């Protein structure tokens, strides 16, 4: 039997919360640690017993999902966060990724999409609703050649890290990068972690965006 993916659910809408719980209960690899009705309750649950994946809404009482992500990742960087929400405006999407979210799904996503996002997140990989992905790619395309980059902002990457960053910016997953470079998936994951530290970002998506703006990679 494969290792269980330990999950915390946070959503203030009782019917949707129950539907999520039912969906994940039917996925044999998913183990639900806590089902929370607000951000503070989810924060307490995650800090008490850190899950592999936090599945959270954004609009919640006591603490919104983005602040929840920030606070958790300050103390438990091993928690992978998937946002599941109705909000798709640019500001919210980018703020979520800046906070450290790994995946971003709309609540119109299918149960299978949600389970797939959890599986990917547990491996440190992202799943993004196509409509949200289009917004992110559009932001890449808007990067202007004349935009000035602060010369004091230097990013030191090894040749291998640069190679992996190029592939991350192309949207490849860790498994695909490992196959392409003929290295272990765990090695790719370690390199990606080092890249995030070097670029001072919290997520692969933010790393790709920053790399394009800093001209560390070609436009996607």
N, C-alpha and C. Protein backbone atom coordinates (compact mmCIF):
# COMPACT_ATOMS: atom_id res chain seq x y z
N UNK A 1 0.85 -1.21 0.00
CA UNK A 1 0.00 0.00 0.00
C UNK A 1 0.87 1.25 0.00
N UNK A 2 0.54 2.23 -0.85
CA UNK A 2 1.34 3.44 -0.93
C UNK A 2 1.17 4.27 0.33
N UNK A 3 2.15 5.15 0.56
CA UNK A 3 2.11 6.00 1.75
C UNK A 3 0.91 6.94 1.70
N UNK A 4 0.27 7.12 2.84
CA UNK A 4 -0.90 7.99 2.94
C UNK A 4 -0.50 9.46 2.81
N UNK A 5 -1.35 10.24 2.15
CA UNK A 5 -1.17 11.69 2.05
C UNK A 5 -2.03 12.31 3.13
N UNK A 6 -1.39 12.96 4.09
CA UNK A 6 -2.10 13.52 5.25
C UNK A 6 -2.62 14.91 4.90
N UNK A 7 -3.92 15.13 5.10
CA UNK A 7 -4.58 16.33 4.57
C UNK A 7 -5.38 17.06 5.65
N UNK A 8 -5.31 18.40 5.58
CA UNK A 8 -6.21 19.25 6.37
C UNK A 8 -7.08 20.02 5.38
N UNK A 9 -8.38 20.04 5.64
CA UNK A 9 -9.35 20.77 4.81
C UNK A 9 -9.79 22.02 5.57
N UNK A 10 -9.86 23.16 4.88
CA UNK A 10 -10.35 24.39 5.50
C UNK A 10 -11.33 25.07 4.55
N UNK A 11 -12.58 25.18 4.97
CA UNK A 11 -13.62 25.84 4.16
C UNK A 11 -14.77 26.21 5.09
N UNK A 12 -15.28 27.42 4.93
CA UNK A 12 -16.34 27.87 5.85
C UNK A 12 -17.74 27.47 5.39
N UNK A 13 -17.88 26.92 4.19
CA UNK A 13 -19.19 26.51 3.69
C UNK A 13 -19.42 25.04 4.03
N UNK A 14 -20.32 24.78 4.96
CA UNK A 14 -20.53 23.42 5.45
C UNK A 14 -20.85 22.40 4.35
N UNK A 15 -21.76 22.68 3.42
CA UNK A 15 -22.07 21.70 2.38
C UNK A 15 -20.85 21.35 1.52
N UNK A 16 -20.09 22.39 1.15
CA UNK A 16 -18.90 22.13 0.31
C UNK A 16 -17.83 21.40 1.11
N UNK A 17 -17.69 21.78 2.36
CA UNK A 17 -16.72 21.12 3.25
C UNK A 17 -17.03 19.62 3.36
N UNK A 18 -18.31 19.30 3.53
CA UNK A 18 -18.72 17.91 3.65
C UNK A 18 -18.51 17.15 2.33
N UNK A 19 -18.75 17.84 1.21
CA UNK A 19 -18.55 17.22 -0.10
C UNK A 19 -17.07 16.90 -0.31
N UNK A 20 -16.21 17.82 0.08
CA UNK A 20 -14.77 17.59 -0.03
C UNK A 20 -14.34 16.40 0.83
N UNK A 21 -14.84 16.38 2.05
CA UNK A 21 -14.50 15.29 2.96
C UNK A 21 -14.92 13.95 2.36
N UNK A 22 -16.11 13.90 1.78
CA UNK A 22 -16.60 12.66 1.18
C UNK A 22 -15.74 12.25 -0.01
N UNK A 23 -15.38 13.23 -0.85
CA UNK A 23 -14.54 12.96 -2.02
C UNK A 23 -13.20 12.36 -1.62
N UNK A 24 -12.57 12.96 -0.61
CA UNK A 24 -11.24 12.51 -0.21
C UNK A 24 -11.29 11.21 0.57
N UNK A 25 -12.39 10.96 1.26
CA UNK A 25 -12.54 9.69 1.96
C UNK A 25 -12.57 8.53 0.97
N UNK A 26 -13.06 8.79 -0.24
CA UNK A 26 -13.14 7.75 -1.26
C UNK A 26 -11.81 7.53 -1.97
N UNK A 27 -10.84 8.43 -1.77
CA UNK A 27 -9.50 8.27 -2.37
C UNK A 27 -8.64 7.49 -1.38
N UNK A 28 -8.25 6.27 -1.70
CA UNK A 28 -7.57 5.40 -0.73
C UNK A 28 -6.26 5.95 -0.17
N UNK A 29 -5.57 6.80 -0.94
CA UNK A 29 -4.28 7.30 -0.45
C UNK A 29 -4.42 8.53 0.44
N UNK A 30 -5.63 9.07 0.57
CA UNK A 30 -5.84 10.30 1.34
C UNK A 30 -6.26 9.99 2.79
N UNK A 31 -5.57 10.61 3.73
CA UNK A 31 -5.92 10.51 5.15
C UNK A 31 -6.25 11.91 5.66
N UNK A 32 -7.48 12.12 6.07
CA UNK A 32 -7.92 13.44 6.53
C UNK A 32 -7.59 13.59 8.02
N UNK A 33 -6.75 14.59 8.32
CA UNK A 33 -6.36 14.85 9.70
C UNK A 33 -7.37 15.75 10.41
N UNK A 34 -7.88 16.73 9.68
CA UNK A 34 -8.81 17.69 10.28
C UNK A 34 -9.65 18.34 9.20
N UNK A 35 -10.90 18.67 9.55
CA UNK A 35 -11.80 19.41 8.66
C UNK A 35 -12.19 20.68 9.42
N UNK A 36 -11.75 21.83 8.91
CA UNK A 36 -11.86 23.09 9.67
C UNK A 36 -12.82 24.07 9.00
N UNK A 37 -13.51 24.84 9.83
CA UNK A 37 -14.52 25.77 9.31
C UNK A 37 -14.02 27.21 9.21
N UNK A 38 -12.79 27.49 9.65
CA UNK A 38 -12.24 28.83 9.49
C UNK A 38 -10.72 28.77 9.50
N UNK A 39 -10.09 29.91 9.18
CA UNK A 39 -8.64 29.95 9.06
C UNK A 39 -7.90 29.69 10.36
N UNK A 40 -8.39 30.25 11.46
CA UNK A 40 -7.71 30.05 12.74
C UNK A 40 -7.71 28.59 13.15
N UNK A 41 -8.85 27.94 12.96
CA UNK A 41 -8.96 26.52 13.30
C UNK A 41 -7.99 25.70 12.45
N UNK A 42 -7.88 26.06 11.17
CA UNK A 42 -6.96 25.35 10.27
C UNK A 42 -5.51 25.59 10.67
N UNK A 43 -5.18 26.83 11.06
CA UNK A 43 -3.82 27.14 11.50
C UNK A 43 -3.45 26.29 12.72
N UNK A 44 -4.34 26.25 13.69
CA UNK A 44 -4.09 25.46 14.90
C UNK A 44 -3.88 23.99 14.56
N UNK A 45 -4.71 23.47 13.64
CA UNK A 45 -4.62 22.06 13.26
C UNK A 45 -3.29 21.77 12.56
N UNK A 46 -2.89 22.66 11.66
CA UNK A 46 -1.66 22.44 10.88
C UNK A 46 -0.40 22.56 11.73
N UNK A 47 -0.42 23.46 12.70
CA UNK A 47 0.75 23.63 13.56
C UNK A 47 0.82 22.53 14.61
N UNK A 48 -0.33 22.00 15.01
CA UNK A 48 -0.37 20.92 16.00
C UNK A 48 0.12 19.61 15.39
N UNK A 49 -0.30 19.33 14.16
CA UNK A 49 0.09 18.09 13.48
C UNK A 49 0.20 18.40 12.00
N UNK A 50 1.38 18.85 11.53
CA UNK A 50 1.53 19.33 10.16
C UNK A 50 1.13 18.28 9.11
N UNK A 51 0.24 18.64 8.21
CA UNK A 51 -0.17 17.71 7.15
C UNK A 51 0.82 17.75 5.98
N UNK A 52 0.65 16.84 5.05
CA UNK A 52 1.41 16.92 3.80
C UNK A 52 0.80 18.00 2.91
N UNK A 53 -0.54 18.08 2.94
CA UNK A 53 -1.25 19.02 2.06
C UNK A 53 -2.35 19.73 2.84
N UNK A 54 -2.41 21.04 2.66
CA UNK A 54 -3.53 21.83 3.17
C UNK A 54 -4.37 22.24 1.97
N UNK A 55 -5.65 21.90 2.01
CA UNK A 55 -6.60 22.27 0.97
C UNK A 55 -7.49 23.36 1.55
N UNK A 56 -7.35 24.60 1.07
CA UNK A 56 -8.03 25.71 1.73
C UNK A 56 -8.74 26.67 0.79
N UNK A 57 -9.86 27.19 1.27
CA UNK A 57 -10.57 28.27 0.62
C UNK A 57 -9.83 29.58 0.94
N UNK A 58 -10.25 30.68 0.33
CA UNK A 58 -9.65 31.99 0.63
C UNK A 58 -10.54 32.80 1.57
N UNK A 59 -11.79 32.98 1.21
CA UNK A 59 -12.69 33.78 2.05
C UNK A 59 -13.22 32.95 3.21
N UNK A 60 -12.65 33.17 4.39
CA UNK A 60 -13.07 32.44 5.59
C UNK A 60 -13.05 33.38 6.79
N UNK A 61 -13.88 33.14 7.80
CA UNK A 61 -13.87 33.98 9.01
C UNK A 61 -12.62 33.74 9.85
N UNK A 62 -12.35 34.72 10.71
CA UNK A 62 -11.24 34.71 11.68
C UNK A 62 -9.86 34.82 11.03
N UNK A 63 -9.67 34.20 9.88
CA UNK A 63 -8.41 34.35 9.15
C UNK A 63 -8.63 33.88 7.72
N UNK A 64 -8.30 34.74 6.73
CA UNK A 64 -8.52 34.32 5.35
C UNK A 64 -7.44 33.33 4.90
N UNK A 65 -7.69 32.68 3.78
CA UNK A 65 -6.80 31.62 3.32
C UNK A 65 -5.39 32.07 3.01
N UNK A 66 -5.24 33.27 2.49
CA UNK A 66 -3.89 33.75 2.13
C UNK A 66 -3.07 34.02 3.38
N UNK A 67 -3.67 34.65 4.38
CA UNK A 67 -2.96 34.87 5.64
C UNK A 67 -2.66 33.54 6.32
N UNK A 68 -3.57 32.60 6.19
CA UNK A 68 -3.36 31.25 6.73
C UNK A 68 -2.13 30.61 6.11
N UNK A 69 -2.01 30.71 4.79
CA UNK A 69 -0.84 30.15 4.09
C UNK A 69 0.45 30.81 4.59
N UNK A 70 0.44 32.13 4.68
CA UNK A 70 1.64 32.84 5.14
C UNK A 70 2.08 32.36 6.53
N UNK A 71 1.12 32.29 7.45
CA UNK A 71 1.46 31.94 8.83
C UNK A 71 1.95 30.50 8.95
N UNK A 72 1.31 29.60 8.23
CA UNK A 72 1.74 28.20 8.30
C UNK A 72 3.15 28.04 7.76
N UNK A 73 3.41 28.64 6.59
CA UNK A 73 4.71 28.42 5.94
C UNK A 73 5.86 29.13 6.65
N UNK A 74 5.54 30.07 7.51
CA UNK A 74 6.62 30.66 8.32
C UNK A 74 7.17 29.62 9.29
N UNK A 75 6.32 28.70 9.73
CA UNK A 75 6.73 27.74 10.76
C UNK A 75 6.83 26.31 10.24
N UNK A 76 6.05 25.97 9.23
CA UNK A 76 6.03 24.60 8.72
C UNK A 76 6.16 24.64 7.19
N UNK A 77 7.40 24.75 6.72
CA UNK A 77 7.63 24.92 5.29
C UNK A 77 7.35 23.64 4.50
N UNK A 78 7.20 22.52 5.20
CA UNK A 78 6.94 21.27 4.51
C UNK A 78 5.49 21.06 4.13
N UNK A 79 4.60 21.97 4.53
CA UNK A 79 3.18 21.85 4.19
C UNK A 79 2.97 22.39 2.77
N UNK A 80 2.37 21.58 1.91
CA UNK A 80 2.08 21.99 0.53
C UNK A 80 0.62 22.46 0.46
N UNK A 81 0.42 23.64 -0.09
CA UNK A 81 -0.92 24.26 -0.04
C UNK A 81 -1.57 24.29 -1.42
N UNK A 82 -2.82 23.84 -1.45
CA UNK A 82 -3.64 23.96 -2.66
C UNK A 82 -4.83 24.86 -2.31
N UNK A 83 -4.99 25.94 -3.06
CA UNK A 83 -6.12 26.84 -2.89
C UNK A 83 -7.30 26.28 -3.69
N UNK A 84 -8.47 26.27 -3.07
CA UNK A 84 -9.69 25.82 -3.74
C UNK A 84 -10.75 26.88 -3.45
N UNK A 85 -11.09 27.69 -4.45
CA UNK A 85 -11.88 28.89 -4.21
C UNK A 85 -12.74 29.26 -5.41
N UNK A 86 -13.59 30.28 -5.22
CA UNK A 86 -14.36 30.82 -6.35
C UNK A 86 -13.67 32.06 -6.91
N UNK A 87 -12.65 32.57 -6.21
CA UNK A 87 -12.01 33.82 -6.60
C UNK A 87 -10.98 33.58 -7.71
N UNK A 88 -11.07 34.36 -8.77
CA UNK A 88 -10.11 34.19 -9.87
C UNK A 88 -9.57 35.53 -10.39
N UNK A 89 -9.73 36.60 -9.62
CA UNK A 89 -9.18 37.88 -10.04
C UNK A 89 -7.66 37.83 -9.92
N UNK A 90 -6.99 38.61 -10.76
CA UNK A 90 -5.53 38.57 -10.84
C UNK A 90 -4.86 38.82 -9.50
N UNK A 91 -5.32 39.84 -8.77
CA UNK A 91 -4.68 40.20 -7.50
C UNK A 91 -4.70 39.04 -6.52
N UNK A 92 -5.84 38.37 -6.42
CA UNK A 92 -5.96 37.25 -5.48
C UNK A 92 -5.07 36.09 -5.90
N UNK A 93 -5.06 35.78 -7.19
CA UNK A 93 -4.25 34.67 -7.70
C UNK A 93 -2.78 34.90 -7.38
N UNK A 94 -2.27 36.08 -7.73
CA UNK A 94 -0.85 36.34 -7.52
C UNK A 94 -0.50 36.46 -6.03
N UNK A 95 -1.42 37.00 -5.25
CA UNK A 95 -1.17 37.09 -3.82
C UNK A 95 -1.09 35.70 -3.20
N UNK A 96 -1.91 34.79 -3.68
CA UNK A 96 -1.88 33.41 -3.18
C UNK A 96 -0.54 32.75 -3.50
N UNK A 97 -0.07 32.93 -4.72
CA UNK A 97 1.22 32.33 -5.09
C UNK A 97 2.37 32.99 -4.34
N UNK A 98 2.29 34.30 -4.16
CA UNK A 98 3.35 34.98 -3.39
C UNK A 98 3.38 34.49 -1.95
N UNK A 99 2.23 34.17 -1.40
CA UNK A 99 2.16 33.66 -0.03
C UNK A 99 2.78 32.27 0.08
N UNK A 100 2.81 31.54 -1.05
CA UNK A 100 3.43 30.22 -1.03
C UNK A 100 2.54 29.08 -1.48
N UNK A 101 1.34 29.39 -1.98
CA UNK A 101 0.46 28.32 -2.47
C UNK A 101 1.12 27.60 -3.64
N UNK A 102 0.89 26.30 -3.71
CA UNK A 102 1.49 25.49 -4.76
C UNK A 102 0.52 25.26 -5.91
N UNK A 103 -0.76 25.06 -5.57
CA UNK A 103 -1.79 24.84 -6.58
C UNK A 103 -2.93 25.81 -6.40
N UNK A 104 -3.72 26.01 -7.46
CA UNK A 104 -4.84 26.95 -7.39
C UNK A 104 -5.96 26.41 -8.26
N UNK A 105 -7.04 25.97 -7.61
CA UNK A 105 -8.19 25.43 -8.33
C UNK A 105 -9.44 26.24 -8.02
N UNK A 106 -10.33 26.30 -8.99
CA UNK A 106 -11.64 26.90 -8.75
C UNK A 106 -12.58 25.82 -8.24
N UNK A 107 -13.61 26.24 -7.54
CA UNK A 107 -14.54 25.27 -6.97
C UNK A 107 -15.40 24.57 -8.01
N UNK A 108 -15.27 25.00 -9.25
CA UNK A 108 -15.95 24.30 -10.35
C UNK A 108 -15.14 23.08 -10.80
N UNK A 109 -13.97 22.89 -10.23
CA UNK A 109 -13.14 21.74 -10.59
C UNK A 109 -13.84 20.44 -10.21
N UNK A 110 -13.53 19.39 -10.94
CA UNK A 110 -14.13 18.08 -10.67
C UNK A 110 -13.47 17.45 -9.44
N UNK A 111 -14.13 16.50 -8.80
CA UNK A 111 -13.50 15.77 -7.69
C UNK A 111 -12.16 15.16 -8.10
N UNK A 112 -12.08 14.65 -9.33
CA UNK A 112 -10.82 14.06 -9.79
C UNK A 112 -9.71 15.10 -9.88
N UNK A 113 -10.08 16.32 -10.32
CA UNK A 113 -9.09 17.42 -10.38
C UNK A 113 -8.53 17.70 -8.99
N UNK A 114 -9.41 17.70 -7.99
CA UNK A 114 -8.99 17.98 -6.62
C UNK A 114 -8.04 16.89 -6.12
N UNK A 115 -8.40 15.65 -6.35
CA UNK A 115 -7.54 14.53 -5.92
C UNK A 115 -6.20 14.58 -6.65
N UNK A 116 -6.23 14.87 -7.94
CA UNK A 116 -4.98 14.99 -8.70
C UNK A 116 -4.10 16.10 -8.15
N UNK A 117 -4.73 17.23 -7.78
CA UNK A 117 -3.98 18.36 -7.24
C UNK A 117 -3.30 17.98 -5.93
N UNK A 118 -3.98 17.20 -5.11
CA UNK A 118 -3.41 16.76 -3.84
C UNK A 118 -2.24 15.82 -4.08
N UNK A 119 -2.39 14.91 -5.01
CA UNK A 119 -1.30 13.98 -5.33
C UNK A 119 -0.07 14.73 -5.82
N UNK A 120 -0.29 15.71 -6.69
CA UNK A 120 0.84 16.49 -7.20
C UNK A 120 1.46 17.34 -6.10
N UNK A 121 0.64 17.98 -5.29
CA UNK A 121 1.14 18.84 -4.22
C UNK A 121 2.00 18.05 -3.24
N UNK A 122 1.60 16.83 -2.94
CA UNK A 122 2.36 16.01 -2.00
C UNK A 122 3.77 15.77 -2.53
N UNK A 123 3.93 15.81 -3.85
CA UNK A 123 5.25 15.64 -4.48
C UNK A 123 5.93 16.98 -4.75
N UNK A 124 5.29 18.06 -4.28
CA UNK A 124 5.88 19.38 -4.49
C UNK A 124 5.63 19.95 -5.86
N UNK A 125 4.59 19.45 -6.54
CA UNK A 125 4.28 19.91 -7.89
C UNK A 125 2.92 20.61 -7.91
N UNK A 126 2.71 21.42 -8.93
CA UNK A 126 1.52 22.27 -8.96
C UNK A 126 0.47 21.79 -9.95
N UNK A 127 -0.79 22.01 -9.58
CA UNK A 127 -1.91 21.86 -10.51
C UNK A 127 -2.70 23.15 -10.44
N UNK A 128 -2.95 23.73 -11.59
CA UNK A 128 -3.64 25.01 -11.65
C UNK A 128 -4.81 24.89 -12.63
N UNK A 129 -5.97 25.39 -12.22
CA UNK A 129 -7.12 25.43 -13.12
C UNK A 129 -6.71 26.11 -14.43
N UNK A 130 -7.07 25.54 -15.59
CA UNK A 130 -6.64 26.13 -16.87
C UNK A 130 -6.88 27.63 -16.99
N UNK A 131 -8.02 28.10 -16.49
CA UNK A 131 -8.32 29.53 -16.60
C UNK A 131 -7.33 30.35 -15.78
N UNK A 132 -6.92 29.83 -14.62
CA UNK A 132 -5.92 30.52 -13.79
C UNK A 132 -4.55 30.44 -14.44
N UNK A 133 -4.22 29.28 -15.01
CA UNK A 133 -2.94 29.12 -15.70
C UNK A 133 -2.82 30.11 -16.84
N UNK A 134 -3.92 30.36 -17.54
CA UNK A 134 -3.90 31.33 -18.64
C UNK A 134 -3.56 32.73 -18.13
N UNK A 135 -4.06 33.08 -16.95
CA UNK A 135 -3.76 34.38 -16.36
C UNK A 135 -2.25 34.49 -16.08
N UNK A 136 -1.69 33.41 -15.52
CA UNK A 136 -0.26 33.42 -15.18
C UNK A 136 0.58 33.54 -16.44
N UNK A 137 0.23 32.76 -17.47
CA UNK A 137 0.99 32.82 -18.72
C UNK A 137 0.86 34.19 -19.38
N UNK A 138 -0.30 34.79 -19.27
CA UNK A 138 -0.49 36.12 -19.83
C UNK A 138 0.42 37.13 -19.14
N UNK A 139 0.63 36.95 -17.84
CA UNK A 139 1.53 37.83 -17.11
C UNK A 139 2.96 37.69 -17.64
N UNK A 140 3.36 36.43 -17.96
CA UNK A 140 4.68 36.22 -18.56
C UNK A 140 4.80 37.02 -19.85
N UNK A 141 3.74 36.95 -20.67
CA UNK A 141 3.80 37.58 -21.99
C UNK A 141 3.85 39.09 -21.91
N UNK A 142 3.38 39.63 -20.76
CA UNK A 142 3.35 41.08 -20.62
C UNK A 142 4.70 41.65 -20.19
N UNK A 143 5.63 40.78 -19.87
CA UNK A 143 6.95 41.26 -19.44
C UNK A 143 7.58 42.06 -20.58
N UNK A 144 7.93 43.29 -20.31
CA UNK A 144 8.47 44.15 -21.36
C UNK A 144 9.99 44.09 -21.39
N UNK A 145 10.54 44.10 -22.60
CA UNK A 145 11.99 44.02 -22.75
C UNK A 145 12.68 45.20 -22.09
N UNK A 146 12.00 46.37 -22.10
CA UNK A 146 12.65 47.56 -21.54
C UNK A 146 12.55 47.65 -20.04
N UNK A 147 11.85 46.69 -19.40
CA UNK A 147 11.72 46.76 -17.94
C UNK A 147 13.09 46.66 -17.30
N UNK A 148 13.40 47.59 -16.43
CA UNK A 148 14.71 47.62 -15.81
C UNK A 148 14.77 46.64 -14.64
N UNK A 149 15.86 45.92 -14.55
CA UNK A 149 16.10 45.00 -13.45
C UNK A 149 17.23 45.56 -12.59
N UNK A 150 17.04 45.58 -11.30
CA UNK A 150 18.05 46.08 -10.37
C UNK A 150 19.30 45.24 -10.48
N UNK A 151 20.41 45.86 -10.91
CA UNK A 151 21.66 45.12 -11.09
C UNK A 151 22.22 44.57 -9.80
N UNK A 152 21.77 45.09 -8.67
CA UNK A 152 22.26 44.60 -7.39
C UNK A 152 21.58 43.29 -7.01
N UNK A 153 20.51 42.95 -7.72
CA UNK A 153 19.75 41.74 -7.41
C UNK A 153 20.34 40.58 -8.20
N UNK A 154 21.30 39.89 -7.63
CA UNK A 154 22.01 38.82 -8.31
C UNK A 154 21.54 37.47 -7.78
N UNK A 155 21.32 36.52 -8.68
CA UNK A 155 20.90 35.18 -8.30
C UNK A 155 21.97 34.20 -8.75
N UNK A 156 22.58 33.52 -7.80
CA UNK A 156 23.65 32.58 -8.10
C UNK A 156 23.09 31.17 -8.17
N UNK A 157 23.04 30.63 -9.38
CA UNK A 157 22.54 29.28 -9.58
C UNK A 157 23.63 28.44 -10.25
N UNK A 158 23.68 27.18 -9.91
CA UNK A 158 24.60 26.27 -10.59
C UNK A 158 24.09 26.01 -12.00
N UNK A 159 24.93 25.42 -12.84
CA UNK A 159 24.50 25.11 -14.21
C UNK A 159 23.30 24.18 -14.19
N UNK A 160 23.30 23.20 -13.29
CA UNK A 160 22.19 22.25 -13.22
C UNK A 160 20.92 22.96 -12.74
N UNK A 161 21.05 23.84 -11.74
CA UNK A 161 19.88 24.58 -11.25
C UNK A 161 19.31 25.47 -12.35
N UNK A 162 20.18 26.10 -13.13
CA UNK A 162 19.72 26.94 -14.23
C UNK A 162 18.96 26.10 -15.26
N UNK A 163 19.50 24.91 -15.52
CA UNK A 163 18.86 24.00 -16.47
C UNK A 163 17.47 23.60 -15.98
N UNK A 164 17.37 23.31 -14.69
CA UNK A 164 16.09 22.91 -14.11
C UNK A 164 15.13 24.09 -14.06
N UNK A 165 15.63 25.28 -13.76
CA UNK A 165 14.78 26.48 -13.74
C UNK A 165 14.17 26.72 -15.12
N UNK A 166 14.95 26.52 -16.18
CA UNK A 166 14.43 26.66 -17.54
C UNK A 166 13.24 25.74 -17.76
N UNK A 167 13.35 24.50 -17.27
CA UNK A 167 12.29 23.51 -17.48
C UNK A 167 11.08 23.80 -16.59
N UNK A 168 11.34 24.29 -15.38
CA UNK A 168 10.23 24.70 -14.50
C UNK A 168 9.43 25.81 -15.16
N UNK A 169 10.13 26.78 -15.75
CA UNK A 169 9.47 27.91 -16.42
C UNK A 169 8.65 27.45 -17.62
N UNK A 170 9.02 26.30 -18.19
CA UNK A 170 8.27 25.73 -19.31
C UNK A 170 7.05 24.95 -18.84
N UNK A 171 6.92 24.80 -17.52
CA UNK A 171 5.75 24.12 -16.97
C UNK A 171 5.93 22.63 -16.73
N UNK A 172 7.18 22.13 -16.85
CA UNK A 172 7.41 20.71 -16.64
C UNK A 172 7.33 20.36 -15.17
N UNK A 173 6.81 19.18 -14.86
CA UNK A 173 6.75 18.69 -13.50
C UNK A 173 8.06 18.02 -13.13
N UNK A 174 8.25 17.78 -11.83
CA UNK A 174 9.50 17.16 -11.36
C UNK A 174 9.77 15.84 -12.06
N UNK A 175 8.73 15.02 -12.19
CA UNK A 175 8.89 13.71 -12.83
C UNK A 175 9.33 13.86 -14.28
N UNK A 176 8.76 14.83 -14.98
CA UNK A 176 9.12 15.06 -16.38
C UNK A 176 10.54 15.61 -16.50
N UNK A 177 10.92 16.49 -15.57
CA UNK A 177 12.28 17.04 -15.57
C UNK A 177 13.28 15.92 -15.31
N UNK A 178 12.98 15.06 -14.34
CA UNK A 178 13.87 13.95 -14.01
C UNK A 178 14.09 13.05 -15.22
N UNK A 179 13.00 12.74 -15.94
CA UNK A 179 13.11 11.88 -17.12
C UNK A 179 13.93 12.56 -18.22
N UNK A 180 13.72 13.85 -18.39
CA UNK A 180 14.40 14.60 -19.46
C UNK A 180 15.91 14.69 -19.19
N UNK A 181 16.26 14.87 -17.90
CA UNK A 181 17.67 15.05 -17.54
C UNK A 181 18.34 13.75 -17.08
N UNK A 182 17.56 12.67 -17.03
CA UNK A 182 18.04 11.35 -16.59
C UNK A 182 18.64 11.43 -15.19
N UNK A 183 17.89 12.02 -14.28
CA UNK A 183 18.30 12.06 -12.88
C UNK A 183 17.12 11.66 -12.01
N UNK A 184 17.35 11.43 -10.73
CA UNK A 184 16.29 11.00 -9.82
C UNK A 184 15.31 12.14 -9.56
N UNK A 185 14.03 11.80 -9.40
CA UNK A 185 13.01 12.80 -9.11
C UNK A 185 13.32 13.52 -7.80
N UNK A 186 13.86 12.79 -6.83
CA UNK A 186 14.22 13.40 -5.55
C UNK A 186 15.31 14.45 -5.74
N UNK A 187 16.25 14.18 -6.66
CA UNK A 187 17.31 15.14 -6.94
C UNK A 187 16.72 16.42 -7.53
N UNK A 188 15.75 16.26 -8.42
CA UNK A 188 15.08 17.44 -9.00
C UNK A 188 14.40 18.25 -7.91
N UNK A 189 13.70 17.55 -7.01
CA UNK A 189 13.00 18.22 -5.92
C UNK A 189 13.97 19.03 -5.06
N UNK A 190 15.16 18.47 -4.77
CA UNK A 190 16.17 19.17 -3.98
C UNK A 190 16.68 20.41 -4.71
N UNK A 191 16.89 20.28 -6.02
CA UNK A 191 17.35 21.42 -6.81
C UNK A 191 16.29 22.53 -6.83
N UNK A 192 15.02 22.13 -7.00
CA UNK A 192 13.94 23.12 -7.02
C UNK A 192 13.89 23.87 -5.69
N UNK A 193 14.09 23.14 -4.59
CA UNK A 193 14.11 23.77 -3.27
C UNK A 193 15.22 24.80 -3.18
N UNK A 194 16.40 24.47 -3.71
CA UNK A 194 17.54 25.40 -3.70
C UNK A 194 17.26 26.62 -4.58
N UNK A 195 16.59 26.39 -5.70
CA UNK A 195 16.24 27.50 -6.61
C UNK A 195 15.30 28.48 -5.91
N UNK A 196 14.29 27.95 -5.21
CA UNK A 196 13.34 28.81 -4.51
C UNK A 196 14.06 29.67 -3.47
N UNK A 197 15.03 29.06 -2.76
CA UNK A 197 15.80 29.81 -1.76
C UNK A 197 16.63 30.89 -2.43
N UNK A 198 17.28 30.55 -3.56
CA UNK A 198 18.15 31.51 -4.24
C UNK A 198 17.37 32.70 -4.78
N UNK A 199 16.16 32.43 -5.28
CA UNK A 199 15.34 33.50 -5.83
C UNK A 199 14.48 34.19 -4.78
N UNK A 200 14.53 33.64 -3.55
CA UNK A 200 13.77 34.21 -2.42
C UNK A 200 12.27 34.24 -2.73
N UNK A 201 11.75 33.09 -3.18
CA UNK A 201 10.33 32.95 -3.47
C UNK A 201 9.82 31.69 -2.78
N UNK A 202 8.49 31.53 -2.76
CA UNK A 202 7.88 30.42 -2.03
C UNK A 202 7.27 29.34 -2.91
N UNK A 203 7.16 29.60 -4.22
CA UNK A 203 6.50 28.62 -5.07
C UNK A 203 7.16 28.55 -6.44
N UNK A 204 6.93 27.44 -7.14
CA UNK A 204 7.47 27.24 -8.49
C UNK A 204 6.94 28.30 -9.45
N UNK A 205 5.66 28.63 -9.32
CA UNK A 205 5.06 29.61 -10.21
C UNK A 205 5.70 30.98 -10.03
N UNK A 206 5.91 31.36 -8.77
CA UNK A 206 6.54 32.65 -8.50
C UNK A 206 7.99 32.64 -8.98
N UNK A 207 8.67 31.49 -8.85
CA UNK A 207 10.05 31.38 -9.33
C UNK A 207 10.11 31.58 -10.83
N UNK A 208 9.17 30.97 -11.55
CA UNK A 208 9.14 31.12 -13.01
C UNK A 208 8.88 32.56 -13.40
N UNK A 209 7.92 33.21 -12.71
CA UNK A 209 7.60 34.60 -13.02
C UNK A 209 8.80 35.51 -12.76
N UNK A 210 9.47 35.29 -11.63
CA UNK A 210 10.62 36.13 -11.28
C UNK A 210 11.78 35.88 -12.24
N UNK A 211 11.96 34.62 -12.64
CA UNK A 211 13.05 34.28 -13.56
C UNK A 211 12.86 34.95 -14.92
N UNK A 212 11.60 35.02 -15.39
CA UNK A 212 11.32 35.69 -16.66
C UNK A 212 11.62 37.18 -16.55
N UNK A 213 11.13 37.78 -15.45
CA UNK A 213 11.33 39.23 -15.27
C UNK A 213 12.80 39.59 -15.10
N UNK A 214 13.57 38.69 -14.48
CA UNK A 214 15.00 38.94 -14.27
C UNK A 214 15.84 38.45 -15.44
N UNK A 215 15.14 37.93 -16.49
CA UNK A 215 15.79 37.44 -17.70
C UNK A 215 16.75 36.28 -17.41
N UNK A 216 16.39 35.48 -16.40
CA UNK A 216 17.17 34.28 -16.13
C UNK A 216 16.78 33.16 -17.07
N UNK A 217 15.59 33.27 -17.65
CA UNK A 217 15.13 32.31 -18.65
C UNK A 217 14.47 33.09 -19.78
N UNK A 218 14.23 32.39 -20.89
CA UNK A 218 13.52 33.01 -22.01
C UNK A 218 12.05 33.12 -21.66
N UNK A 219 11.34 34.05 -22.31
CA UNK A 219 9.90 34.14 -22.13
C UNK A 219 9.25 32.82 -22.52
N UNK A 220 8.20 32.44 -21.79
CA UNK A 220 7.47 31.22 -22.13
C UNK A 220 6.40 31.54 -23.15
